Amino acid sequence: MINIKNKEQLEKFIWENKDKVVVIYVGSNFYNSCKILKNKLTSVEVISTMRNLVVGYVDINSKENQDICELYKISYIPVQSFVTVKGTQIVEIKRIIGYDWINFTMTYNLIINDMSNKNDTSDKNDISDKNDTSYIDNMMDNFTL
C-alpha cells in the first residue's frame, strides 16, 4: 500500500500499475472500520493471495487530498474504488462503500479473470469495456453462498 499525497501522485500511481488491479482506498485513521480495512489490505494473507493487487491509500483528513475526494465524489468512508486505464482515461470499474470483504474479494477475482481472458475472442466477460458497474453488480446479484 502506498500513501497518496496528491492528485498528481495518484494519477502517476494508476498509470504505472495499469497492468495490475488498482484500488484507490479512501479512509481515515480515526474510524475503526477504516483501520480494520487498512490492516486487512496490508496483511500477509492478502499480499500473498492477491498478488496483482496494488492499493493507493488516500487519507481523507489530509488537506492535500481534498481535490481527490472531490474528483472521486467521496461522501462516505471507507471507500475502495477499483480503477483501470482505458485509452487515455482513468475509469472506475467498481466502488465499494464501507467494509465488505466478500464484495472486495469477488470484485478482485472478476477483474483477475477478465485480465486472464483478454486474449479470448468473446468480449461478453470484458468488464474493462464497461463504463459503469452494472456488469459486476449483476454478477454479484446472481452469486449465492
Protein backbone atom coordinates (compact mmCIF):
# COMPACT_ATOMS: atom_id res chain seq x y z
CA MET A 1 0.00 0.00 0.00
CA ILE A 2 1.31 3.41 -0.96
CA ASN A 3 0.22 6.62 0.76
CA ILE A 4 -1.07 9.03 -1.85
CA LYS A 5 -0.26 12.67 -1.12
CA ASN A 6 -1.96 14.47 -4.03
CA LYS A 7 -3.85 14.09 -7.31
CA GLU A 8 -0.70 14.02 -9.46
CA GLN A 9 0.83 11.21 -7.39
CA LEU A 10 -2.45 9.27 -7.62
CA GLU A 11 -2.59 9.56 -11.41
CA LYS A 12 1.06 8.51 -11.71
CA PHE A 13 0.39 5.52 -9.40
CA ILE A 14 -2.56 4.38 -11.54
CA TRP A 15 -0.70 4.73 -14.85
CA GLU A 16 2.39 2.92 -13.53
CA ASN A 17 0.23 0.00 -12.38
CA LYS A 18 -2.22 -0.21 -15.27
CA ASP A 19 -1.43 -3.91 -15.78
CA LYS A 20 -2.49 -4.72 -12.19
CA VAL A 21 -5.68 -4.50 -10.15
CA VAL A 22 -5.58 -0.92 -8.88
CA VAL A 23 -7.63 0.10 -5.86
CA ILE A 24 -7.88 3.60 -4.51
CA TYR A 25 -8.69 3.23 -0.83
CA VAL A 26 -10.05 6.37 0.82
CA GLY A 27 -10.21 6.28 4.59
CA SER A 28 -9.20 7.83 7.88
CA ASN A 29 -7.12 6.71 10.83
CA PHE A 30 -9.88 7.97 13.14
CA TYR A 31 -12.55 5.39 12.23
CA ASN A 32 -12.49 1.76 13.30
CA SER A 33 -13.80 0.32 10.02
CA CYS A 34 -11.10 2.24 8.12
CA LYS A 35 -8.37 0.94 10.45
CA ILE A 36 -9.64 -2.65 10.15
CA LEU A 37 -9.75 -2.46 6.35
CA LYS A 38 -6.29 -0.88 6.15
CA ASN A 39 -4.88 -3.65 8.33
CA LYS A 40 -6.61 -6.28 6.17
CA LEU A 41 -5.25 -4.80 2.93
CA THR A 42 -1.70 -4.79 4.31
CA SER A 43 -1.88 -8.25 5.88
CA VAL A 44 0.48 -11.03 4.79
CA GLU A 45 -2.56 -13.13 3.82
CA VAL A 46 -3.88 -10.54 1.35
CA ILE A 47 -0.47 -9.64 -0.04
CA SER A 48 0.31 -13.31 -0.70
CA THR A 49 -3.08 -14.27 -2.18
CA MET A 50 -3.87 -11.09 -4.15
CA ARG A 51 -0.52 -10.74 -5.88
CA ASN A 52 -1.82 -8.46 -8.64
CA LEU A 53 -3.42 -6.02 -6.19
CA VAL A 54 -1.93 -2.56 -5.69
CA VAL A 55 -3.55 -0.13 -3.30
CA GLY A 56 -3.18 3.61 -3.10
CA TYR A 57 -4.29 4.95 0.28
CA VAL A 58 -5.86 8.41 0.35
CA ASP A 59 -6.24 9.93 3.83
CA ILE A 60 -9.46 11.93 3.77
CA ASN A 61 -8.18 14.15 6.59
CA SER A 62 -5.25 15.46 4.55
CA LYS A 63 -5.86 18.90 3.04
CA GLU A 64 -3.74 17.90 0.04
CA ASN A 65 -6.22 15.11 -0.76
CA GLN A 66 -9.38 17.21 -0.82
CA ASP A 67 -9.15 17.55 -4.61
CA ILE A 68 -9.05 13.72 -4.90
CA CYS A 69 -12.12 13.44 -2.68
CA GLU A 70 -13.93 15.97 -4.84
CA LEU A 71 -12.82 14.33 -8.10
CA TYR A 72 -13.99 10.87 -6.94
CA LYS A 73 -17.07 12.32 -5.20
CA ILE A 74 -16.23 10.78 -1.84
CA SER A 75 -19.01 11.37 0.68
CA TYR A 76 -18.63 8.27 2.90
CA ILE A 77 -15.68 6.28 4.15
CA PRO A 78 -14.15 3.82 3.81
CA VAL A 79 -14.31 3.69 0.02
CA GLN A 80 -12.49 1.26 -2.23
CA SER A 81 -12.51 2.29 -5.86
CA PHE A 82 -11.30 -0.27 -8.43
CA VAL A 83 -9.93 1.69 -11.39
CA THR A 84 -8.36 0.90 -14.73
CA VAL A 85 -6.84 2.74 -17.67
CA LYS A 86 -8.92 2.75 -20.83
CA GLY A 87 -7.29 4.54 -23.73
CA THR A 88 -6.16 7.85 -22.28
CA GLN A 89 -8.61 7.90 -19.38
CA ILE A 90 -8.75 6.51 -15.88
CA VAL A 91 -12.07 4.70 -15.44
CA GLU A 92 -13.70 3.50 -12.23
CA ILE A 93 -14.82 -0.14 -12.59
CA LYS A 94 -16.40 -0.68 -9.20
CA ARG A 95 -16.87 1.28 -5.97
CA ILE A 96 -17.36 -0.35 -2.60
CA ILE A 97 -18.54 1.82 0.27
CA GLY A 98 -17.89 0.52 3.78
CA TYR A 99 -16.14 -2.65 4.85
CA ASP A 100 -17.39 -5.50 2.67
CA TRP A 101 -14.59 -8.01 2.26
CA ILE A 102 -16.70 -10.53 0.32
CA ASN A 103 -17.61 -7.87 -2.25
CA PHE A 104 -13.96 -6.75 -2.41
CA THR A 105 -12.69 -10.29 -2.97
CA MET A 106 -15.32 -11.07 -5.60
CA THR A 107 -14.55 -7.86 -7.48
CA TYR A 108 -10.83 -8.59 -7.40
CA ASN A 109 -11.41 -12.13 -8.70
CA LEU A 110 -13.70 -10.92 -11.51
CA ILE A 111 -11.09 -8.40 -12.64
CA ILE A 112 -8.31 -11.03 -12.49
CA ASN A 113 -10.45 -13.42 -14.56
CA ASP A 114 -11.11 -10.65 -17.07
CA MET A 115 -7.41 -9.85 -17.30
CA SER A 116 -6.54 -13.50 -17.94
CA ASN A 117 -9.28 -13.79 -20.59
CA LYS A 118 -8.15 -10.72 -22.58
CA ASN A 119 -6.98 -12.96 -25.42
CA ASP A 120 -10.39 -14.65 -25.64
CA THR A 121 -12.28 -13.71 -28.80
CA SER A 122 -15.53 -13.36 -26.88
CA ASP A 123 -15.97 -9.98 -25.21
CA LYS A 124 -19.01 -10.87 -23.12
CA ASN A 125 -16.88 -11.04 -19.96
CA ASP A 126 -14.74 -8.00 -20.72
CA ILE A 127 -15.55 -5.64 -17.86
CA SER A 128 -12.92 -3.12 -18.88
CA ASP A 129 -15.20 -2.07 -21.75
CA LYS A 130 -17.96 -1.08 -19.35
CA ASN A 131 -18.16 2.49 -18.09
CA ASP A 132 -20.44 1.58 -15.22
CA THR A 133 -20.51 -1.08 -12.54
CA SER A 134 -23.57 -2.94 -13.84
CA TYR A 135 -21.59 -5.96 -15.07
CA ILE A 136 -20.00 -6.65 -11.69
CA ASP A 137 -23.18 -5.74 -9.82
CA ASN A 138 -25.18 -8.21 -11.93
CA MET A 139 -22.60 -10.93 -11.41
CA MET A 140 -22.72 -10.40 -7.64
CA ASP A 141 -26.52 -10.32 -7.58
CA ASN A 142 -26.50 -13.81 -9.08
CA PHE A 143 -23.93 -15.08 -6.58
CA THR A 144 -25.22 -17.24 -3.74
CA LEU A 145 -23.37 -18.67 -0.79
